[in-house]
Protein backbone atom coordinates (compact mmCIF):
# COMPACT_ATOMS: atom_id res chain seq x y z
CA MET A 1 80.33 -59.47 64.47
CA ASP A 2 79.94 -59.97 67.58
CA GLN A 3 76.20 -59.31 68.98
CA LYS A 4 76.72 -58.72 72.80
CA SER A 5 79.48 -56.04 73.36
CA THR A 6 79.39 -54.79 76.84
CA GLU A 7 78.44 -51.13 77.34
CA VAL A 8 78.15 -48.89 80.00
CA ASP A 9 74.54 -47.65 80.84
CA LEU A 10 74.76 -44.15 82.52
CA GLY A 11 71.62 -43.01 81.79
CA TYR A 12 72.23 -40.26 79.35
CA ALA A 13 74.64 -42.62 77.67
CA ARG A 14 74.81 -46.34 76.43
CA ILE A 15 79.05 -46.05 76.95
CA ASP A 16 80.66 -48.40 74.54
CA VAL A 17 83.15 -50.02 75.89
CA ASP A 18 84.24 -52.83 73.54
CA ARG A 19 84.98 -50.79 70.68
CA ALA A 20 88.11 -51.19 70.93
CA ALA A 21 88.15 -54.95 70.71
CA ARG A 22 86.59 -54.17 66.57
CA THR A 23 88.05 -51.70 65.06
CA GLY A 24 91.10 -51.54 67.26
CA ASP A 25 90.02 -47.96 68.73
CA ALA A 26 88.53 -47.12 71.83
CA GLU A 27 84.87 -45.22 72.07
CA VAL A 28 86.40 -41.53 72.18
CA VAL A 29 84.01 -38.83 73.83
CA TYR A 30 82.36 -35.65 71.92
CA GLY A 31 81.68 -33.07 74.50
CA ALA A 32 79.63 -30.65 72.67
CA GLY A 33 76.09 -30.89 73.35
CA LYS A 34 77.06 -32.52 76.56
CA THR A 35 77.27 -31.18 80.63
CA PRO A 36 80.37 -31.57 82.08
CA ALA A 37 79.16 -33.73 84.17
CA GLN A 38 78.14 -35.91 81.67
CA ILE A 39 81.82 -35.27 80.10
CA VAL A 40 82.88 -36.60 83.28
CA GLY A 41 80.42 -39.87 83.73
CA ALA A 42 81.93 -40.99 80.28
CA MET A 43 85.35 -40.59 80.67
CA ARG A 44 85.02 -42.01 84.17
CA ALA A 45 82.86 -45.39 83.26
CA LEU A 46 85.26 -45.54 80.23
CA SER A 47 88.24 -45.43 82.06
CA GLN A 48 86.87 -47.77 84.51
CA ALA A 49 86.15 -50.29 82.50
CA HIS A 50 89.42 -50.55 80.76
CA PRO A 51 91.96 -48.96 82.96
CA ASP A 52 95.19 -50.09 80.61
CA ARG A 53 93.51 -47.49 77.70
CA PRO A 54 93.56 -43.91 77.35
CA VAL A 55 90.69 -42.10 77.29
CA LEU A 56 89.92 -39.25 74.93
CA ALA A 57 87.66 -36.23 74.86
CA THR A 58 87.35 -33.23 72.89
CA ARG A 59 85.41 -30.30 71.90
CA LEU A 60 85.20 -29.63 76.08
CA SER A 61 84.19 -25.68 76.89
CA PRO A 62 85.65 -24.04 80.07
CA GLU A 63 83.65 -25.64 82.13
CA ALA A 64 84.16 -28.97 81.03
CA ARG A 65 87.96 -28.41 81.08
CA GLU A 66 87.62 -27.35 84.75
CA LEU A 67 85.22 -29.89 85.88
CA CYS A 68 88.05 -32.59 84.05
CA ARG A 69 90.98 -31.11 85.83
CA ARG A 70 89.13 -31.10 89.46
CA GLU A 71 87.30 -34.58 89.08
CA LEU A 72 89.66 -36.90 87.58
CA PRO A 73 93.32 -36.77 89.18
CA GLY A 74 96.16 -37.40 85.91
CA ALA A 75 94.25 -35.72 83.41
CA ALA A 76 95.91 -33.86 80.98
CA VAL A 77 94.15 -31.35 79.67
CA ASP A 78 94.71 -29.40 76.70
CA ASP A 79 93.14 -25.67 76.38
CA VAL A 80 94.00 -25.03 73.01
CA GLY A 81 92.93 -28.03 71.62
CA ARG A 82 89.89 -27.70 73.76
CA THR A 83 90.62 -32.35 75.22
CA ALA A 84 90.46 -34.21 78.13
CA THR A 85 92.58 -37.58 78.26
CA LEU A 86 93.36 -39.68 81.13
CA GLY A 87 94.93 -42.98 82.15
CA PRO A 88 97.77 -44.14 80.60
CA SER A 89 100.30 -43.31 77.13
CA ALA A 90 98.66 -45.90 74.50
CA PRO A 91 102.30 -47.11 72.90
CA ARG A 92 102.79 -46.19 70.15
CA THR A 93 104.60 -46.69 66.75
CA GLY A 94 104.70 -44.47 63.25
CA CYS A 95 104.87 -41.19 62.88
CA VAL A 96 102.76 -38.60 61.81
CA ALA A 97 103.77 -35.29 60.41
CA VAL A 98 101.03 -32.16 61.50
CA VAL A 99 100.97 -29.32 59.60
CA CYS A 100 99.14 -26.49 60.59
CA ALA A 101 99.22 -23.05 57.97
CA GLY A 102 98.84 -20.70 60.88
CA THR A 103 98.54 -20.11 64.65
CA ALA A 104 94.80 -19.79 64.24
CA ASP A 105 94.61 -22.78 63.12
CA LEU A 106 96.26 -24.42 66.66
CA PRO A 107 93.05 -25.76 68.38
CA VAL A 108 92.44 -27.77 65.52
CA LEU A 109 95.81 -28.92 64.95
CA ARG A 110 96.21 -29.45 68.83
CA GLU A 111 92.28 -31.53 68.54
CA CYS A 112 94.48 -33.92 65.74
CA ALA A 113 98.14 -34.38 67.19
CA THR A 114 96.15 -35.38 70.87
CA THR A 115 93.95 -38.08 68.76
CA VAL A 116 97.21 -39.37 67.04
CA ASN A 117 99.24 -39.64 70.71
CA VAL A 118 95.58 -41.46 72.07
CA PHE A 119 95.38 -43.45 69.14
CA GLY A 120 98.73 -44.61 68.85
CA ALA A 121 101.63 -42.98 66.95
CA HIS A 122 104.34 -40.32 67.62
CA THR A 123 103.15 -36.75 66.52
CA ASP A 124 105.97 -33.79 65.23
CA GLU A 125 103.63 -30.56 64.90
CA ILE A 126 105.08 -28.42 62.68
CA VAL A 127 103.11 -24.27 63.34
CA ASP A 128 102.45 -21.66 61.15
CA VAL A 129 104.26 -22.32 57.31
CA GLY A 130 101.50 -21.30 55.43
CA VAL A 131 102.10 -20.22 51.97
CA ALA A 132 102.04 -16.66 52.09
CA GLY A 133 105.31 -16.91 53.82
CA LEU A 134 106.33 -20.13 50.87
CA HIS A 135 109.35 -20.16 52.18
CA ARG A 136 109.00 -21.46 56.20
CA LEU A 137 107.06 -24.25 55.00
CA LEU A 138 110.85 -25.20 52.31
CA ALA A 139 112.51 -25.51 55.40
CA GLN A 140 110.47 -27.83 57.09
CA ARG A 141 110.92 -30.11 53.98
CA ASP A 142 112.99 -32.69 55.26
CA ARG A 143 111.62 -33.33 58.74
CA ILE A 144 108.22 -33.59 57.30
CA ALA A 145 109.45 -35.95 54.74
CA ALA A 146 110.54 -38.06 57.38
CA SER A 147 106.75 -38.88 58.64
CA ASP A 148 104.70 -41.72 57.61
CA VAL A 149 101.81 -39.85 57.82
CA ILE A 150 101.22 -36.08 57.32
CA VAL A 151 98.17 -33.68 58.35
CA ALA A 152 98.35 -30.57 56.72
CA VAL A 153 95.70 -27.81 58.55
CA ALA A 154 94.61 -25.21 56.86
CA GLY A 155 91.62 -22.31 56.87
CA MET A 156 90.77 -19.34 54.14
CA GLU A 157 91.76 -20.38 50.62
CA ALA A 158 93.64 -23.41 52.37
CA ALA A 159 96.57 -23.81 49.44
CA LEU A 160 98.74 -25.54 52.21
CA PRO A 161 97.55 -29.15 51.55
CA SER A 162 98.07 -28.34 47.90
CA VAL A 163 101.53 -27.09 48.38
CA LEU A 164 102.95 -29.47 50.09
CA GLY A 165 100.96 -32.24 48.29
CA GLY A 166 103.17 -30.92 45.36
CA LEU A 167 106.50 -31.52 47.26
CA THR A 168 105.74 -35.45 48.45
CA GLY A 169 104.33 -38.91 47.93
CA LEU A 170 103.28 -39.50 51.59
CA PRO A 171 99.90 -40.30 52.69
CA LEU A 172 98.27 -36.65 53.13
CA ILE A 173 94.96 -35.82 55.32
CA ALA A 174 94.06 -32.50 54.75
CA VAL A 175 92.18 -30.68 57.10
CA PRO A 176 89.95 -27.13 56.26
CA THR A 177 89.30 -24.44 58.95
CA SER A 178 86.70 -22.66 59.71
CA ILE A 179 89.50 -19.34 59.82
CA GLY A 180 88.88 -16.42 57.40
CA TYR A 181 88.38 -13.46 56.76
CA GLY A 182 85.05 -12.50 55.16
CA TRP A 183 82.51 -14.69 53.06
CA HIS A 184 84.44 -17.82 53.51
CA MET A 185 81.53 -19.53 54.54
CA ASP A 186 82.30 -21.23 58.02
CA GLY A 187 85.68 -23.33 56.00
CA LEU A 188 83.70 -24.02 53.28
CA THR A 189 85.41 -22.74 50.98
CA ALA A 190 88.51 -24.17 52.98
CA TRP A 191 86.88 -27.78 51.86
CA LEU A 192 85.86 -26.82 48.72
CA ALA A 193 90.00 -25.97 47.74
CA THR A 194 91.04 -28.83 49.86
CA LEU A 195 88.75 -31.11 47.71
CA ASN A 196 89.55 -29.56 44.47
CA THR A 197 92.92 -30.10 44.68
CA CYS A 198 94.98 -31.05 41.40
CA ALA A 199 97.45 -32.57 43.51
CA PRO A 200 96.70 -36.21 43.70
CA GLY A 201 96.56 -38.11 46.74
CA VAL A 202 95.26 -35.27 49.22
CA LEU A 203 92.29 -36.76 51.15
CA THR A 204 90.10 -34.67 52.82
CA VAL A 205 87.68 -34.54 55.84
CA ASN A 206 85.75 -32.24 57.11
CA VAL A 207 86.05 -28.43 58.14
CA ASP A 208 88.00 -28.49 61.94
CA ASN A 209 87.84 -31.90 62.50
CA GLY A 210 91.31 -32.56 63.49
CA PHE A 211 89.35 -35.55 65.31
CA GLY A 212 88.52 -37.73 62.62
CA ALA A 213 92.22 -36.87 60.32
CA GLY A 214 93.84 -37.61 63.82
CA VAL A 215 92.05 -41.06 63.64
CA ALA A 216 92.84 -41.81 59.93
CA ALA A 217 96.66 -40.91 60.27
CA ALA A 218 97.39 -43.16 63.17
CA ARG A 219 95.83 -46.06 61.73
CA ILE A 220 97.86 -45.09 59.18
CA ALA A 221 100.63 -44.43 61.10
CA ARG A 222 100.31 -47.74 62.64
CA ARG A 223 100.60 -49.67 59.97
CA SER A 224 103.43 -48.19 58.27
CA LEU A 225 106.69 -49.48 57.31
CA SER A 226 108.92 -47.76 59.60
CA SER A 227 106.10 -49.11 61.74
CA LEU A 228 106.58 -52.67 60.89
CA ARG A 229 110.26 -52.45 61.07
CA SER A 230 110.72 -50.57 64.40
CA LEU A 231 108.95 -53.92 65.20
CA GLY A 232 110.73 -56.20 64.02
CA ALA A 233 108.73 -57.45 60.73
CA GLU A 234 109.27 -56.73 57.57
CA PRO A 235 106.15 -56.32 54.90
CA ASP A 236 105.07 -58.92 52.49
CA ALA A 237 107.02 -58.43 49.29
C-alpha cells in the first residue's frame, strides 16, 4: 500500500482525495455530526482535487442541504434521501434493483440509489411492494429479474428480503430500516429478521445503511456478466 497518498488538511478534516486509487471508490462525506460549512468545505475539496469525479455527501440536515444549494453551483440535492452530489455523473454499467417495502422506507431507498449511481451502476427503483400486498411484488418479478443485484429495503418485520430470496438467485442485500410500530427497537427487530432469514444467499447490512448497501451493490454490478458483455468482454471460462 502506498503510504504517501495525498490528503487535504482542512483543519477539521483530513480529506482522502486519493482513496479511489486504492479502492476504486472515492471518499464520501458523512454529514451527520458535521456543520453545514464543514460539509460544503469537504465536498469542495474533493471536487477540486478530482473535478472529473462525482462527489457524494450523505445524511445531510435541512440546513446542510440548503447551504449546498447556495454554495455549490450545480449540486444535486435530494431532500428525501438527504444526500447531495457534486460534479459529473459517473460512467455506469450493470443495474441494481433497489426495492422497498413501503413508502416510509423511501429515505433509505433514495440514499442507496444515489450511492449506486455515484459508484458507477444504473438503478431501477421499485417502491411500495411489501409483503402485506404480495401481488404488488409478484407483478414486478420480471423487472427485478432483469437486474444484476437486488437491494431490499424493509422495516417492521422485514419480510421482503426473505420473500425475494425465495424468488430469485440474484445477489441480494437486505437493508433493515428503523420503521415500525411499537417495540421494534429502532430497527433491531428488522435487522434480526434479515440476519436470520431462511432464504440462502441474503446478505445484511446495518439498520438504515442504504449507503453501505449501495456501495456493495454497485461493486457487484460493475463486475456482473451484463457489465462485462456491455464492455465487449466475456468472463473467464
